[in-house]
PDB file of N, CA and C in Angstrom:
ATOM      1  N   MET A   1       0.816  -1.195   0.000  1.00  0.00           N
ATOM      2  CA  MET A   1       0.000   0.000   0.000  1.00  0.00           C
ATOM      3  C   MET A   1       0.865   1.267   0.000  1.00  0.00           C
ATOM      4  N   VAL A   2       1.918   1.231   0.774  1.00  0.00           N
ATOM      5  CA  VAL A   2       2.803   2.385   0.851  1.00  0.00           C
ATOM      6  C   VAL A   2       3.469   2.627  -0.500  1.00  0.00           C
ATOM      7  N   THR A   3       3.815   1.558  -1.193  1.00  0.00           N
ATOM      8  CA  THR A   3       4.446   1.689  -2.503  1.00  0.00           C
ATOM      9  C   THR A   3       3.511   2.369  -3.492  1.00  0.00           C
ATOM     10  N   ALA A   4       2.245   2.013  -3.453  1.00  0.00           N
ATOM     11  CA  ALA A   4       1.267   2.627  -4.356  1.00  0.00           C
ATOM     12  C   ALA A   4       1.107   4.111  -4.058  1.00  0.00           C
ATOM     13  N   LEU A   5       1.092   4.467  -2.795  1.00  0.00           N
ATOM     14  CA  LEU A   5       0.962   5.881  -2.432  1.00  0.00           C
ATOM     15  C   LEU A   5       2.202   6.675  -2.838  1.00  0.00           C
ATOM     16  N   LEU A   6       3.369   6.092  -2.645  1.00  0.00           N
ATOM     17  CA  LEU A   6       4.589   6.770  -3.075  1.00  0.00           C
ATOM     18  C   LEU A   6       4.626   6.931  -4.590  1.00  0.00           C
ATOM     19  N   PHE A   7       4.186   5.902  -5.309  1.00  0.00           N
ATOM     20  CA  PHE A   7       4.122   5.992  -6.766  1.00  0.00           C
ATOM     21  C   PHE A   7       3.190   7.121  -7.194  1.00  0.00           C
ATOM     22  N   GLU A   8       2.044   7.237  -6.532  1.00  0.00           N
ATOM     23  CA  GLU A   8       1.084   8.294  -6.863  1.00  0.00           C
ATOM     24  C   GLU A   8       1.666   9.678  -6.586  1.00  0.00           C
ATOM     25  N   ILE A   9       2.343   9.819  -5.473  1.00  0.00           N
ATOM     26  CA  ILE A   9       2.944  11.111  -5.127  1.00  0.00           C
ATOM     27  C   ILE A   9       3.986  11.517  -6.164  1.00  0.00           C
ATOM     28  N   TYR A  10       4.864  10.583  -6.523  1.00  0.00           N
ATOM     29  CA  TYR A  10       5.907  10.901  -7.501  1.00  0.00           C
ATOM     30  C   TYR A  10       5.332  11.113  -8.894  1.00  0.00           C
ATOM     31  N   LEU A  11       4.269  10.410  -9.232  1.00  0.00           N
ATOM     32  CA  LEU A  11       3.620  10.606 -10.525  1.00  0.00           C
ATOM     33  C   LEU A  11       3.014  12.004 -10.619  1.00  0.00           C
ATOM     34  N   PHE A  12       2.302  12.427  -9.577  1.00  0.00           N
ATOM     35  CA  PHE A  12       1.721  13.771  -9.578  1.00  0.00           C
ATOM     36  C   PHE A  12       2.808  14.839  -9.597  1.00  0.00           C
ATOM     37  N   LYS A  13       3.894  14.594  -8.889  1.00  0.00           N
ATOM     38  CA  LYS A  13       5.003  15.549  -8.886  1.00  0.00           C
ATOM     39  C   LYS A  13       5.622  15.658 -10.281  1.00  0.00           C
ATOM     40  N   ALA A  14       5.777  14.521 -10.968  1.00  0.00           N
ATOM     41  CA  ALA A  14       6.352  14.535 -12.319  1.00  0.00           C
ATOM     42  C   ALA A  14       5.418  15.233 -13.304  1.00  0.00           C
ATOM     43  N   LEU A  15       4.127  14.948 -13.223  1.00  0.00           N
ATOM     44  CA  LEU A  15       3.167  15.609 -14.112  1.00  0.00           C
ATOM     45  C   LEU A  15       3.100  17.105 -13.831  1.00  0.00           C
ATOM     46  N   SER A  16       3.236  17.470 -12.575  1.00  0.00           N
ATOM     47  CA  SER A  16       3.256  18.881 -12.213  1.00  0.00           C
ATOM     48  C   SER A  16       4.497  19.567 -12.778  1.00  0.00           C
ATOM     49  N   LEU A  17       5.612  18.877 -12.778  1.00  0.00           N
ATOM     50  CA  LEU A  17       6.838  19.431 -13.352  1.00  0.00           C
ATOM     51  C   LEU A  17       6.698  19.615 -14.862  1.00  0.00           C
ATOM     52  N   VAL A  18       6.077  18.658 -15.535  1.00  0.00           N
ATOM     53  CA  VAL A  18       5.844  18.782 -16.980  1.00  0.00           C
ATOM     54  C   VAL A  18       4.952  19.986 -17.270  1.00  0.00           C
ATOM     55  N   ALA A  19       3.883  20.147 -16.496  1.00  0.00           N
ATOM     56  CA  ALA A  19       2.993  21.296 -16.683  1.00  0.00           C
ATOM     57  C   ALA A  19       3.727  22.605 -16.412  1.00  0.00           C
ATOM     58  N   LEU A  20       4.598  22.614 -15.425  1.00  0.00           N
ATOM     59  CA  LEU A  20       5.383  23.808 -15.109  1.00  0.00           C
ATOM     60  C   LEU A  20       6.308  24.179 -16.262  1.00  0.00           C
ATOM     61  N   VAL A  21       6.991  23.205 -16.828  1.00  0.00           N
ATOM     62  CA  VAL A  21       7.893  23.470 -17.952  1.00  0.00           C
ATOM     63  C   VAL A  21       7.102  23.991 -19.150  1.00  0.00           C
ATOM     64  N   LEU A  22       5.962  23.370 -19.442  1.00  0.00           N
ATOM     65  CA  LEU A  22       5.125  23.839 -20.552  1.00  0.00           C
ATOM     66  C   LEU A  22       4.643  25.271 -20.320  1.00  0.00           C
ATOM     67  N   GLY A  23       4.206  25.563 -19.100  1.00  0.00           N
ATOM     68  CA  GLY A  23       3.713  26.900 -18.784  1.00  0.00           C
ATOM     69  C   GLY A  23       4.786  27.967 -18.912  1.00  0.00           C
ATOM     70  N   LEU A  24       5.962  27.685 -18.393  1.00  0.00           N
ATOM     71  CA  LEU A  24       7.053  28.658 -18.496  1.00  0.00           C
ATOM     72  C   LEU A  24       7.523  28.828 -19.931  1.00  0.00           C
ATOM     73  N   TRP A  25       7.584  27.739 -20.678  1.00  0.00           N
ATOM     74  CA  TRP A  25       7.984  27.801 -22.083  1.00  0.00           C
ATOM     75  C   TRP A  25       7.006  28.655 -22.879  1.00  0.00           C
ATOM     76  N   ALA A  26       5.710  28.441 -22.670  1.00  0.00           N
ATOM     77  CA  ALA A  26       4.701  29.213 -23.399  1.00  0.00           C
ATOM     78  C   ALA A  26       4.770  30.695 -23.024  1.00  0.00           C
ATOM     79  N   PHE A  27       4.931  30.993 -21.745  1.00  0.00           N
ATOM     80  CA  PHE A  27       4.976  32.388 -21.313  1.00  0.00           C
ATOM     81  C   PHE A  27       6.214  33.105 -21.857  1.00  0.00           C
ATOM     82  N   ILE A  28       7.360  32.468 -21.754  1.00  0.00           N
ATOM     83  CA  ILE A  28       8.592  33.089 -22.250  1.00  0.00           C
ATOM     84  C   ILE A  28       8.532  33.273 -23.760  1.00  0.00           C
ATOM     85  N   ASP A  29       7.985  32.291 -24.464  1.00  0.00           N
ATOM     86  CA  ASP A  29       7.882  32.410 -25.913  1.00  0.00           C
ATOM     87  C   ASP A  29       6.908  33.522 -26.304  1.00  0.00           C
ATOM     88  N   ALA A  30       5.796  33.637 -25.589  1.00  0.00           N
ATOM     89  CA  ALA A  30       4.833  34.705 -25.885  1.00  0.00           C
ATOM     90  C   ALA A  30       5.449  36.077 -25.631  1.00  0.00           C
ATOM     91  N   ALA A  31       6.307  36.180 -24.642  1.00  0.00           N
ATOM     92  CA  ALA A  31       6.953  37.458 -24.344  1.00  0.00           C
ATOM     93  C   ALA A  31       7.979  37.837 -25.410  1.00  0.00           C
ATOM     94  N   ARG A  32       8.594  36.860 -26.035  1.00  0.00           N
ATOM     95  CA  ARG A  32       9.645  37.125 -27.025  1.00  0.00           C
ATOM     96  C   ARG A  32       9.110  37.547 -28.379  1.00  0.00           C
ATOM     97  N   ARG A  33       7.892  37.191 -28.716  1.00  0.00           N
ATOM     98  CA  ARG A  33       7.347  37.458 -30.053  1.00  0.00           C
ATOM     99  C   ARG A  33       6.863  38.904 -30.168  1.00  0.00           C
ATOM    100  N   PRO A  34       7.104  39.559 -31.312  1.00  0.00           N
ATOM    101  CA  PRO A  34       6.613  40.929 -31.503  1.00  0.00           C
ATOM    102  C   PRO A  34       5.085  40.968 -31.596  1.00  0.00           C
ATOM    103  N   ALA A  35       4.510  42.051 -31.119  1.00  0.00           N
ATOM    104  CA  ALA A  35       3.050  42.189 -31.124  1.00  0.00           C
ATOM    105  C   ALA A  35       2.479  42.224 -32.539  1.00  0.00           C
ATOM    106  N   GLN A  36       3.251  42.709 -33.494  1.00  0.00           N
ATOM    107  CA  GLN A  36       2.762  42.786 -34.873  1.00  0.00           C
ATOM    108  C   GLN A  36       2.537  41.402 -35.472  1.00  0.00           C
ATOM    109  N   ASN A  37       3.308  40.420 -35.042  1.00  0.00           N
ATOM    110  CA  ASN A  37       3.134  39.066 -35.578  1.00  0.00           C
ATOM    111  C   ASN A  37       1.767  38.496 -35.230  1.00  0.00           C
ATOM    112  N   TYR A  38       1.268  38.810 -34.051  1.00  0.00           N
ATOM    113  CA  TYR A  38      -0.048  38.313 -33.640  1.00  0.00           C
ATOM    114  C   TYR A  38      -1.135  38.910 -34.531  1.00  0.00           C
ATOM    115  N   GLN A  39      -1.031  40.208 -34.798  1.00  0.00           N
ATOM    116  CA  GLN A  39      -2.034  40.867 -35.637  1.00  0.00           C
ATOM    117  C   GLN A  39      -1.929  40.410 -37.081  1.00  0.00           C
ATOM    118  N   ARG A  40      -0.713  40.243 -37.573  1.00  0.00           N
ATOM    119  CA  ARG A  40      -0.521  39.830 -38.957  1.00  0.00           C
ATOM    120  C   ARG A  40      -1.104  38.443 -39.219  1.00  0.00           C
ATOM    121  N   GLU A  41      -1.042  37.570 -38.251  1.00  0.00           N
ATOM    122  CA  GLU A  41      -1.537  36.201 -38.417  1.00  0.00           C
ATOM    123  C   GLU A  41      -2.976  36.029 -37.933  1.00  0.00           C
ATOM    124  N   ASN A  42      -3.647  37.130 -37.630  1.00  0.00           N
ATOM    125  CA  ASN A  42      -5.045  37.111 -37.178  1.00  0.00           C
ATOM    126  C   ASN A  42      -5.250  36.255 -35.932  1.00  0.00           C
ATOM    127  N   LYS A  43      -4.327  36.361 -34.998  1.00  0.00           N
ATOM    128  CA  LYS A  43      -4.454  35.703 -33.699  1.00  0.00           C
ATOM    129  C   LYS A  43      -4.871  36.758 -32.688  1.00  0.00           C
ATOM    130  N   ARG A  44      -5.219  36.324 -31.500  1.00  0.00           N
ATOM    131  CA  ARG A  44      -5.531  37.288 -30.448  1.00  0.00           C
ATOM    132  C   ARG A  44      -4.292  38.118 -30.135  1.00  0.00           C
ATOM    133  N   THR A  45      -4.477  39.181 -29.372  1.00  0.00           N
ATOM    134  CA  THR A  45      -3.377  40.113 -29.122  1.00  0.00           C
ATOM    135  C   THR A  45      -2.288  39.483 -28.250  1.00  0.00           C
ATOM    136  N   LYS A  46      -1.135  40.128 -28.277  1.00  0.00           N
ATOM    137  CA  LYS A  46      -0.023  39.663 -27.456  1.00  0.00           C
ATOM    138  C   LYS A  46      -0.382  39.739 -25.976  1.00  0.00           C
ATOM    139  N   GLY A  47      -1.064  40.808 -25.578  1.00  0.00           N
ATOM    140  CA  GLY A  47      -1.471  40.951 -24.185  1.00  0.00           C
ATOM    141  C   GLY A  47      -2.386  39.833 -23.718  1.00  0.00           C
ATOM    142  N   PHE A  48      -3.282  39.402 -24.594  1.00  0.00           N
ATOM    143  CA  PHE A  48      -4.186  38.298 -24.270  1.00  0.00           C
ATOM    144  C   PHE A  48      -3.393  37.025 -23.992  1.00  0.00           C
ATOM    145  N   TRP A  49      -2.462  36.686 -24.887  1.00  0.00           N
ATOM    146  CA  TRP A  49      -1.692  35.455 -24.712  1.00  0.00           C
ATOM    147  C   TRP A  49      -0.690  35.572 -23.574  1.00  0.00           C
ATOM    148  N   MET A  50      -0.149  36.776 -23.352  1.00  0.00           N
ATOM    149  CA  MET A  50       0.743  36.967 -22.203  1.00  0.00           C
ATOM    150  C   MET A  50      -0.025  36.769 -20.896  1.00  0.00           C
ATOM    151  N   GLY A  51      -1.243  37.297 -20.851  1.00  0.00           N
ATOM    152  CA  GLY A  51      -2.061  37.131 -19.651  1.00  0.00           C
ATOM    153  C   GLY A  51      -2.427  35.681 -19.391  1.00  0.00           C
ATOM    154  N   LEU A  52      -2.906  35.002 -20.425  1.00  0.00           N
ATOM    155  CA  LEU A  52      -3.310  33.599 -20.257  1.00  0.00           C
ATOM    156  C   LEU A  52      -2.129  32.711 -19.880  1.00  0.00           C
ATOM    157  N   THR A  53      -1.045  32.822 -20.630  1.00  0.00           N
ATOM    158  CA  THR A  53       0.099  31.958 -20.337  1.00  0.00           C
ATOM    159  C   THR A  53       0.778  32.355 -19.029  1.00  0.00           C
ATOM    160  N   GLY A  54       0.717  33.637 -18.673  1.00  0.00           N
ATOM    161  CA  GLY A  54       1.282  34.073 -17.398  1.00  0.00           C
ATOM    162  C   GLY A  54       0.529  33.512 -16.211  1.00  0.00           C
ATOM    163  N   VAL A  55      -0.793  33.573 -16.269  1.00  0.00           N
ATOM    164  CA  VAL A  55      -1.609  32.998 -15.194  1.00  0.00           C
ATOM    165  C   VAL A  55      -1.397  31.489 -15.126  1.00  0.00           C
ATOM    166  N   ALA A  56      -1.328  30.846 -16.282  1.00  0.00           N
ATOM    167  CA  ALA A  56      -1.095  29.398 -16.308  1.00  0.00           C
ATOM    168  C   ALA A  56       0.263  29.056 -15.705  1.00  0.00           C
ATOM    169  N   ALA A  57       1.289  29.835 -16.036  1.00  0.00           N
ATOM    170  CA  ALA A  57       2.629  29.566 -15.503  1.00  0.00           C
ATOM    171  C   ALA A  57       2.674  29.780 -13.992  1.00  0.00           C
ATOM    172  N   VAL A  58       2.059  30.851 -13.517  1.00  0.00           N
ATOM    173  CA  VAL A  58       2.040  31.117 -12.073  1.00  0.00           C
ATOM    174  C   VAL A  58       1.300  30.007 -11.341  1.00  0.00           C
ATOM    175  N   PHE A  59       0.177  29.588 -11.890  1.00  0.00           N
ATOM    176  CA  PHE A  59      -0.568  28.514 -11.245  1.00  0.00           C
ATOM    177  C   PHE A  59       0.236  27.217 -11.232  1.00  0.00           C
ATOM    178  N   CYS A  60       0.948  26.932 -12.316  1.00  0.00           N
ATOM    179  CA  CYS A  60       1.772  25.717 -12.366  1.00  0.00           C
ATOM    180  C   CYS A  60       2.924  25.787 -11.370  1.00  0.00           C
ATOM    181  N   VAL A  61       3.504  26.965 -11.185  1.00  0.00           N
ATOM    182  CA  VAL A  61       4.579  27.119 -10.195  1.00  0.00           C
ATOM    183  C   VAL A  61       4.045  26.834  -8.797  1.00  0.00           C
ATOM    184  N   PHE A  62       2.914  27.444  -8.439  1.00  0.00           N
ATOM    185  CA  PHE A  62       2.344  27.220  -7.110  1.00  0.00           C
ATOM    186  C   PHE A  62       1.912  25.775  -6.921  1.00  0.00           C
ATOM    187  N   SER A  63       1.378  25.182  -7.952  1.00  0.00           N
ATOM    188  CA  SER A  63       0.957  23.790  -7.869  1.00  0.00           C
ATOM    189  C   SER A  63       2.156  22.868  -7.671  1.00  0.00           C
ATOM    190  N   PHE A  64       3.239  23.148  -8.374  1.00  0.00           N
ATOM    191  CA  PHE A  64       4.443  22.327  -8.221  1.00  0.00           C
ATOM    192  C   PHE A  64       5.015  22.467  -6.817  1.00  0.00           C
ATOM    193  N   LEU A  65       5.055  23.682  -6.311  1.00  0.00           N
ATOM    194  CA  LEU A  65       5.592  23.901  -4.970  1.00  0.00           C
ATOM    195  C   LEU A  65       4.707  23.295  -3.890  1.00  0.00           C
ATOM    196  N   ALA A  66       3.412  23.148  -4.175  1.00  0.00           N
ATOM    197  CA  ALA A  66       2.486  22.577  -3.204  1.00  0.00           C
ATOM    198  C   ALA A  66       2.468  21.053  -3.238  1.00  0.00           C
ATOM    199  N   GLY A  67       3.161  20.448  -4.163  1.00  0.00           N
ATOM    200  CA  GLY A  67       3.210  18.998  -4.185  1.00  0.00           C
ATOM    201  C   GLY A  67       2.604  18.367  -5.413  1.00  0.00           C
ATOM    202  N   GLY A  68       2.013  19.155  -6.286  1.00  0.00           N
ATOM    203  CA  GLY A  68       1.538  18.627  -7.550  1.00  0.00           C
ATOM    204  C   GLY A  68       0.155  18.033  -7.550  1.00  0.00           C
ATOM    205  N   GLY A  69      -0.660  18.321  -6.581  1.00  0.00           N
ATOM    206  CA  GLY A  69      -1.988  17.731  -6.548  1.00  0.00           C
ATOM    207  C   GLY A  69      -3.096  18.717  -6.813  1.00  0.00           C
ATOM    208  N   ALA A  70      -2.948  19.588  -7.786  1.00  0.00           N
ATOM    209  CA  ALA A  70      -3.942  20.632  -8.033  1.00  0.00           C
ATOM    210  C   ALA A  70      -5.105  20.157  -8.889  1.00  0.00           C
ATOM    211  N   GLY A  71      -5.010  18.992  -9.476  1.00  0.00           N
ATOM    212  CA  GLY A  71      -6.127  18.407 -10.198  1.00  0.00           C
ATOM    213  C   GLY A  71      -6.491  19.108 -11.485  1.00  0.00           C
ATOM    214  N   PHE A  72      -7.795  19.380 -11.632  1.00  0.00           N
ATOM    215  CA  PHE A  72      -8.291  19.886 -12.912  1.00  0.00           C
ATOM    216  C   PHE A  72      -7.814  21.301 -13.213  1.00  0.00           C
ATOM    217  N   LEU A  73      -7.517  22.117 -12.217  1.00  0.00           N
ATOM    218  CA  LEU A  73      -7.030  23.471 -12.486  1.00  0.00           C
ATOM    219  C   LEU A  73      -5.635  23.437 -13.110  1.00  0.00           C
ATOM    220  N   GLN A  74      -4.826  22.510 -12.672  1.00  0.00           N
ATOM    221  CA  GLN A  74      -3.510  22.351 -13.280  1.00  0.00           C
ATOM    222  C   GLN A  74      -3.651  21.818 -14.700  1.00  0.00           C
ATOM    223  N   LEU A  75      -4.622  20.967 -14.928  1.00  0.00           N
ATOM    224  CA  LEU A  75      -4.885  20.460 -16.273  1.00  0.00           C
ATOM    225  C   LEU A  75      -5.328  21.593 -17.198  1.00  0.00           C
ATOM    226  N   ILE A  76      -6.155  22.503 -16.706  1.00  0.00           N
ATOM    227  CA  ILE A  76      -6.586  23.658 -17.504  1.00  0.00           C
ATOM    228  C   ILE A  76      -5.383  24.537 -17.848  1.00  0.00           C
ATOM    229  N   ALA A  77      -4.508  24.764 -16.876  1.00  0.00           N
ATOM    230  CA  ALA A  77      -3.312  25.579 -17.129  1.00  0.00           C
ATOM    231  C   ALA A  77      -2.410  24.921 -18.169  1.00  0.00           C
ATOM    232  N   ALA A  78      -2.260  23.613 -18.096  1.00  0.00           N
ATOM    233  CA  ALA A  78      -1.443  22.906 -19.090  1.00  0.00           C
ATOM    234  C   ALA A  78      -2.092  22.969 -20.466  1.00  0.00           C
ATOM    235  N   CYS A  79      -3.416  22.907 -20.523  1.00  0.00           N
ATOM    236  CA  CYS A  79      -4.116  22.990 -21.811  1.00  0.00           C
ATOM    237  C   CYS A  79      -3.941  24.367 -22.447  1.00  0.00           C
ATOM    238  N   VAL A  80      -3.999  25.418 -21.652  1.00  0.00           N
ATOM    239  CA  VAL A  80      -3.778  26.772 -22.174  1.00  0.00           C
ATOM    240  C   VAL A  80      -2.376  26.876 -22.770  1.00  0.00           C
ATOM    241  N   SER A  81      -1.400  26.360 -22.060  1.00  0.00           N
ATOM    242  CA  SER A  81      -0.023  26.397 -22.563  1.00  0.00           C
ATOM    243  C   SER A  81       0.123  25.585 -23.841  1.00  0.00           C
ATOM    244  N   CYS A  82      -0.511  24.431 -23.889  1.00  0.00           N
ATOM    245  CA  CYS A  82      -0.420  23.580 -25.084  1.00  0.00           C
ATOM    246  C   CYS A  82      -1.118  24.214 -26.280  1.00  0.00           C
ATOM    247  N   VAL A  83      -2.233  24.895 -26.055  1.00  0.00           N
ATOM    248  CA  VAL A  83      -2.915  25.579 -27.161  1.00  0.00           C
ATOM    249  C   VAL A  83      -2.017  26.664 -27.728  1.00  0.00           C
ATOM    250  N   TYR A  84      -1.368  27.422 -26.854  1.00  0.00           N
ATOM    251  CA  TYR A  84      -0.446  28.447 -27.350  1.00  0.00           C
ATOM    252  C   TYR A  84       0.690  27.810 -28.144  1.00  0.00           C
ATOM    253  N   LEU A  85       1.299  26.774 -27.588  1.00  0.00           N
ATOM    254  CA  LEU A  85       2.463  26.166 -28.236  1.00  0.00           C
ATOM    255  C   LEU A  85       2.110  25.457 -29.537  1.00  0.00           C
ATOM    256  N   ALA A  86       0.910  24.908 -29.635  1.00  0.00           N
ATOM    257  CA  ALA A  86       0.535  24.149 -30.830  1.00  0.00           C
ATOM    258  C   ALA A  86      -0.071  25.014 -31.925  1.00  0.00           C
ATOM    259  N   ASP A  87      -0.766  26.080 -31.554  1.00  0.00           N
ATOM    260  CA  ASP A  87      -1.480  26.874 -32.559  1.00  0.00           C
ATOM    261  C   ASP A  87      -0.848  28.242 -32.796  1.00  0.00           C
ATOM    262  N   VAL A  88      -0.637  28.996 -31.747  1.00  0.00           N
ATOM    263  CA  VAL A  88      -0.205  30.381 -31.888  1.00  0.00           C
ATOM    264  C   VAL A  88       1.291  30.470 -32.178  1.00  0.00           C
ATOM    265  N   ARG A  89       2.092  29.713 -31.480  1.00  0.00           N
ATOM    266  CA  ARG A  89       3.545  29.800 -31.639  1.00  0.00           C
ATOM    267  C   ARG A  89       4.007  29.554 -33.073  1.00  0.00           C
ATOM    268  N   PRO A  90       3.529  28.507 -33.756  1.00  0.00           N
ATOM    269  CA  PRO A  90       3.974  28.333 -35.148  1.00  0.00           C
ATOM    270  C   PRO A  90       3.540  29.476 -36.060  1.00  0.00           C
ATOM    271  N   ALA A  91       2.373  30.051 -35.790  1.00  0.00           N
ATOM    272  CA  ALA A  91       1.867  31.118 -36.652  1.00  0.00           C
ATOM    273  C   ALA A  91       2.643  32.416 -36.469  1.00  0.00           C
ATOM    274  N   VAL A  92       2.974  32.759 -35.239  1.00  0.00           N
ATOM    275  CA  VAL A  92       3.654  34.031 -34.987  1.00  0.00           C
ATOM    276  C   VAL A  92       5.165  33.877 -34.950  1.00  0.00           C
ATOM    277  N   GLY A  93       5.660  32.696 -35.242  1.00  0.00           N
ATOM    278  CA  GLY A  93       7.088  32.424 -35.170  1.00  0.00           C
ATOM    279  C   GLY A  93       7.918  33.189 -36.175  1.00  0.00           C
ATOM    280  N   GLY A  94       7.322  33.564 -37.297  1.00  0.00           N
ATOM    281  CA  GLY A  94       8.052  34.330 -38.283  1.00  0.00           C
ATOM    282  C   GLY A  94       8.878  33.503 -39.230  1.00  0.00           C
ATOM    283  N   LYS A  95       8.773  32.200 -39.166  1.00  0.00           N
ATOM    284  CA  LYS A  95       9.529  31.345 -40.076  1.00  0.00           C
ATOM    285  C   LYS A  95       8.590  30.795 -41.129  1.00  0.00           C
ATOM    286  N   GLY A  96       9.110  30.569 -42.288  1.00  0.00           N
ATOM    287  CA  GLY A  96       8.291  30.010 -43.361  1.00  0.00           C
ATOM    288  C   GLY A  96       7.547  31.093 -44.110  1.00  0.00           C
ATOM    289  N   THR A  97       6.574  30.691 -44.873  1.00  0.00           N
ATOM    290  CA  THR A  97       5.797  31.608 -45.691  1.00  0.00           C
ATOM    291  C   THR A  97       4.819  32.386 -44.822  1.00  0.00           C
ATOM    292  N   PRO A  98       4.741  33.711 -44.959  1.00  0.00           N
ATOM    293  CA  PRO A  98       3.749  34.465 -44.190  1.00  0.00           C
ATOM    294  C   PRO A  98       2.346  34.007 -44.540  1.00  0.00           C
ATOM    295  N   GLY A  99       1.556  33.814 -43.523  1.00  0.00           N
ATOM    296  CA  GLY A  99       0.172  33.410 -43.746  1.00  0.00           C
ATOM    297  C   GLY A  99      -0.010  31.930 -43.999  1.00  0.00           C
ATOM    298  N   TYR A 100       1.009  31.127 -43.758  1.00  0.00           N
ATOM    299  CA  TYR A 100       0.918  29.698 -44.030  1.00  0.00           C
ATOM    300  C   TYR A 100      -0.174  29.043 -43.200  1.00  0.00           C
ATOM    301  N   TYR A 101      -0.340  29.476 -41.958  1.00  0.00           N
ATOM    302  CA  TYR A 101      -1.310  28.849 -41.076  1.00  0.00           C
ATOM    303  C   TYR A 101      -2.709  29.438 -41.221  1.00  0.00           C
ATOM    304  N   ASN A 102      -2.888  30.414 -42.077  1.00  0.00           N
ATOM    305  CA  ASN A 102      -4.218  30.974 -42.333  1.00  0.00           C
ATOM    306  C   ASN A 102      -4.827  30.237 -43.512  1.00  0.00           C
ATOM    307  N   TYR A 103      -5.631  29.251 -43.244  1.00  0.00           N
ATOM    308  CA  TYR A 103      -6.198  28.431 -44.308  1.00  0.00           C
ATOM    309  C   TYR A 103      -7.314  29.141 -45.014  1.00  0.00           C
TER     310      TYR A 103
END
């Protein structure tokens, strides 16, 4: 029984660390991109994505420091970071053909 509980604790801690890395990566990347790239690619504003990814990163930091058991709120923060990294980051990255992601 103790082994199962220790496994659960370390699993939540590892998942919390993954969410923390994703949150910080998304926030730092959103801060590095010029505001004009967001408008050019018809994405939401830089301030919008900075706010969302910033709140997600802060929540992931607190969740990690608390032991990693934040549940669905940590999952929401990780989803926000993943949406930025999967959709917005490639579009505002400035590499490739302009407007490639605008179908």
